[in-house]
Protein backbone atom coordinates (compact mmCIF):
# COMPACT_ATOMS: atom_id res chain seq x y z
CA MET A 1 -1.33 5.54 -13.98
CA GLU A 2 0.28 7.61 -16.93
CA ARG A 3 -2.31 8.76 -19.21
CA GLY A 4 -2.72 11.67 -21.86
CA CYS A 5 -4.27 15.00 -20.67
CA ILE A 6 -7.87 15.98 -21.93
CA PRO A 7 -8.26 19.27 -23.21
CA ALA A 8 -7.23 21.99 -20.69
CA ARG A 9 -11.22 23.43 -20.72
CA VAL A 10 -12.27 20.27 -19.21
CA GLY A 11 -9.52 19.83 -16.78
CA CYS A 12 -6.84 17.01 -16.28
CA LEU A 13 -8.87 15.73 -13.15
CA ALA A 14 -12.84 15.56 -14.83
CA TYR A 15 -11.93 11.81 -15.48
CA VAL A 16 -11.95 11.35 -11.54
CA GLY A 17 -14.62 14.08 -10.69
CA ASN A 18 -11.32 16.73 -9.42
CA ASP A 19 -10.84 13.86 -6.62
CA PRO A 20 -8.01 11.79 -7.36
CA VAL A 21 -7.51 10.80 -3.78
CA ASP A 22 -10.43 8.67 -3.37
CA HIS A 23 -11.47 7.91 -7.32
CA THR A 24 -9.56 6.75 -10.38
CA ASP A 25 -9.82 6.09 -14.16
CA PRO A 26 -12.74 3.49 -13.59
CA THR A 27 -11.14 1.47 -16.75
CA GLY A 28 -7.60 1.43 -14.94
CA THR A 29 -6.58 -1.48 -12.65
CA ASP A 30 -4.35 -1.28 -9.76
CA GLU A 31 -2.97 -2.46 -6.56
CA VAL A 32 -3.28 -0.23 -3.31
CA THR A 33 -1.06 -1.64 -0.55
CA LEU A 34 -2.16 -0.27 3.30
CA PHE A 35 -0.36 0.21 6.22
CA ARG A 36 -1.05 1.12 9.68
CA PRO A 37 0.67 0.94 12.95
CA LEU A 38 0.79 -2.52 14.68
CA GLN A 39 -1.10 -2.19 17.86
CA ALA A 40 1.56 -4.13 19.83
CA ALA A 41 4.45 -2.03 18.64
CA PRO A 42 3.31 0.91 17.02
CA SER A 43 6.62 2.93 16.66
CA VAL A 44 8.39 0.09 15.15
CA ALA A 45 6.26 -2.10 12.99
CA ASP A 46 3.30 -1.78 10.90
CA HIS A 47 0.29 -4.19 9.50
CA GLU A 48 -0.07 -4.55 5.61
CA ALA A 49 -2.85 -5.27 3.53
CA HIS A 50 -3.94 -4.66 0.39
CA ILE A 51 -7.01 -3.94 -2.13
CA VAL A 52 -6.66 -5.15 -5.86
CA GLY A 53 -8.95 -4.23 -8.62
CA ASN A 54 -10.66 -1.78 -10.79
CA ASP A 55 -13.96 -0.02 -10.70
CA LYS A 56 -15.43 -2.24 -13.77
CA THR A 57 -15.13 -5.38 -12.00
CA GLY A 58 -14.69 -4.26 -8.52
CA TRP A 59 -11.96 -4.13 -5.83
CA THR A 60 -10.60 -7.12 -3.37
CA TYR A 61 -9.42 -6.39 0.05
CA GLN A 62 -6.90 -8.63 1.51
CA SER A 63 -5.49 -8.87 4.91
CA LYS A 64 -3.86 -11.51 7.14
CA ASP A 65 -4.91 -10.63 10.53
CA GLY A 66 -2.60 -12.66 12.84
CA GLY A 67 -5.29 -14.44 14.62
CA ALA A 68 -7.89 -11.37 15.35
CA SER A 69 -11.30 -12.04 14.41
CA SER A 70 -13.58 -9.67 12.35
CA GLY A 71 -17.21 -8.77 11.95
CA THR A 72 -19.35 -8.17 9.39
CA ARG A 73 -18.21 -4.97 7.45
CA SER A 74 -21.27 -2.76 5.96
CA GLY A 75 -21.30 -2.21 1.90
CA SER A 76 -19.14 -5.36 1.16
CA SER A 77 -19.62 -9.25 0.90
CA GLN A 78 -16.74 -10.53 3.44
CA SER A 79 -15.41 -13.71 4.56
CA SER A 80 -13.62 -13.66 7.51
CA GLY A 81 -11.69 -16.41 9.59
CA SER A 82 -9.60 -16.29 12.81
CA SER A 83 -6.92 -14.93 10.99
CA THR A 84 -7.79 -13.66 7.58
CA THR A 85 -10.43 -10.77 6.23
CA THR A 86 -11.26 -10.95 2.43
CA ALA A 87 -13.60 -8.07 1.44
CA HIS A 88 -15.05 -7.00 -1.92
CA PHE A 89 -16.07 -3.47 -2.82
CA LYS A 90 -17.65 -1.96 -6.34
CA SER A 91 -15.41 0.97 -6.34
CA GLU A 92 -11.96 2.09 -5.26
CA GLY A 93 -13.64 5.12 -3.19
CA GLU A 94 -15.60 2.57 -1.38
CA ALA A 95 -12.54 0.79 -0.80
CA LEU A 96 -10.33 3.55 0.36
CA ALA A 97 -13.49 4.59 3.04
CA PHE A 98 -13.34 1.17 4.07
CA ALA A 99 -9.29 1.48 4.73
CA ARG A 100 -9.51 4.50 6.62
CA LYS A 101 -12.33 3.12 9.21
CA GLN A 102 -9.96 0.18 9.54
CA GLY A 103 -7.27 2.60 10.73
CA TYR A 104 -4.52 2.41 7.67
CA THR A 105 -2.72 5.47 7.52
CA ASP A 106 -0.67 4.88 4.70
CA GLY A 107 -1.78 3.77 1.18
CA TYR A 108 0.36 3.73 -1.83
CA GLN A 109 -1.34 2.78 -5.60
CA HIS A 110 0.43 0.95 -8.07
CA ALA A 111 -0.96 0.56 -11.93
CA SER A 112 -1.23 -3.12 -12.93
CA ASN A 113 -3.23 -5.14 -15.53
CA ALA A 114 -5.76 -7.70 -15.08
CA THR A 115 -3.42 -10.40 -15.58
CA GLN A 116 -1.20 -8.92 -12.75
CA ASP A 117 -4.54 -8.50 -10.89
CA ALA A 118 -5.62 -12.09 -10.93
CA ALA A 119 -2.19 -13.60 -10.04
CA ASN A 120 -1.87 -10.82 -7.16
CA ILE A 121 -5.07 -11.85 -5.63
CA THR A 122 -4.19 -15.65 -6.11
CA ALA A 123 -1.08 -15.70 -4.68
CA ALA A 124 -1.69 -13.31 -1.82
CA GLY A 125 -5.02 -15.86 -1.25
CA GLY A 126 -2.52 -18.65 -0.87
CA LYS A 127 -0.71 -16.94 1.82
CA LEU A 128 -3.67 -16.10 3.71
CA LYS A 129 -4.45 -19.84 3.76
CA GLU A 130 -1.37 -20.62 5.99
CA ALA A 131 -0.95 -21.01 9.20
CA TYR A 132 0.05 -17.74 10.63
CA GLY A 133 3.81 -17.16 11.31
CA PHE A 134 5.67 -14.00 12.77
CA CYS A 135 8.85 -15.13 10.42
CA THR A 136 7.29 -17.39 7.87
CA SER A 137 3.41 -16.24 6.94
CA ASN A 138 2.75 -12.82 8.14
CA CYS A 139 0.44 -10.03 7.03
CA GLY A 140 3.33 -8.46 5.07
CA GLN A 141 4.36 -11.79 3.18
CA ALA A 142 1.09 -12.33 2.07
CA VAL A 143 0.77 -9.02 0.34
CA ASN A 144 4.40 -9.26 -0.80
CA ALA A 145 3.72 -12.87 -2.20
CA GLY A 146 1.14 -11.18 -4.31
CA GLU A 147 3.23 -8.14 -5.87
CA SER A 148 6.06 -10.84 -6.59
CA ALA A 149 3.92 -12.80 -8.41
CA ALA A 150 2.02 -9.89 -10.12
CA GLY A 151 5.79 -8.39 -10.77
CA ILE A 152 5.00 -5.17 -8.98
CA PRO A 153 8.06 -3.83 -7.13
CA HIS A 154 8.06 -3.89 -3.38
CA LYS A 155 10.57 -4.70 -0.65
CA ASP A 156 10.23 -8.33 1.04
CA ALA A 157 10.74 -7.90 4.67
CA ILE A 158 9.33 -9.54 8.10
CA ASN A 159 8.57 -6.18 9.26
CA PRO A 160 5.97 -4.11 6.76
CA ARG A 161 7.51 -0.71 7.95
CA ILE A 162 10.06 -1.12 5.59
CA ASN A 163 7.82 -2.03 2.46
CA ASN A 164 5.93 1.20 4.01
CA ASP A 165 9.35 3.55 3.99
CA TYR A 166 10.09 2.39 0.69
CA MET A 167 7.03 2.80 -1.04
CA GLY A 168 6.94 6.64 0.21
CA SER A 169 10.31 7.23 -0.78
CA THR A 170 11.63 8.62 -3.78
CA GLN A 171 12.92 5.34 -5.17
CA GLY A 172 9.14 4.22 -4.34
CA LYS A 173 7.77 7.04 -6.24
CA ASN A 174 10.31 6.35 -9.03
CA ASP A 175 8.90 2.70 -9.03
CA GLY A 176 5.33 3.95 -9.86
CA TRP A 177 3.98 4.07 -6.29
CA ASN A 178 1.74 6.96 -5.39
CA ARG A 179 0.27 7.87 -2.18
CA VAL A 180 -3.48 7.98 -1.68
CA ILE A 181 -4.09 7.60 2.06
CA GLY A 182 -1.68 9.64 4.49
CA THR A 183 0.68 12.46 3.90
CA ASP A 184 4.65 12.15 2.73
CA LYS A 185 6.95 11.91 5.65
CA PRO A 186 9.53 14.74 5.69
CA ALA A 187 12.90 14.39 4.57
CA PRO A 188 15.33 13.34 7.50
CA PRO A 189 17.38 16.52 8.16
CA SER A 190 21.05 16.52 6.78
CA PRO A 191 23.94 15.75 8.90
CA PRO A 192 26.02 18.82 10.27
CA PRO A 193 29.24 19.71 8.47
CA ALA A 194 32.22 18.38 9.93
CA PRO A 195 33.97 20.81 12.09
CA LYS A 196 37.23 22.35 10.90
CA PHE A 197 40.00 22.90 12.97
CA ASP A 198 42.66 25.55 12.30
CA MET A 199 45.89 24.70 13.29
CA PRO A 200 47.97 27.39 14.93
CA TRP A 201 51.21 25.94 14.20
CA THR A 202 53.11 25.06 11.42
CA ILE A 203 55.10 21.75 10.77
CA PRO A 204 58.76 22.30 9.82
């Protein structure tokens, strides 16, 4: 979120305890979209979930797990079914610590407001109630439904890896996404220049 810098003698990151990765402005609201390699195809696909909320009213984690059951998580009030997980946390730092324990390797944060958060959670929650379908109602499409309802930029795709790549790209950063889990991937190398051929003869 864009905020004016407080006096230099205090430091611009004092409001997050000089730890902008695990803590944010407690009056702000945000979505954090999470990715981890899909166990069945780790090299080509991701699992996608999200955390929505703020440090004043708490954070909600929603994940469509595709039939994987889940147990009780420490530090959260959790509702679990055979295919979904919803958990609640008091702070973003607590929520991100949970996400890392669940194996999420990439996470991107986008500013939002309370109205957007409510629409996001409601729309994603509706998708969680649908029967899992790889092409019709998968983990990424649940998150996408929430982001669409909230008006948050994203990429609609069957494979969440596409949304992950977008959020970590220059376009994603320009659209307001900031990485909070993982490290930026190096840009692909530029293609080599086309070879030049000297013609040893002239055409009359």
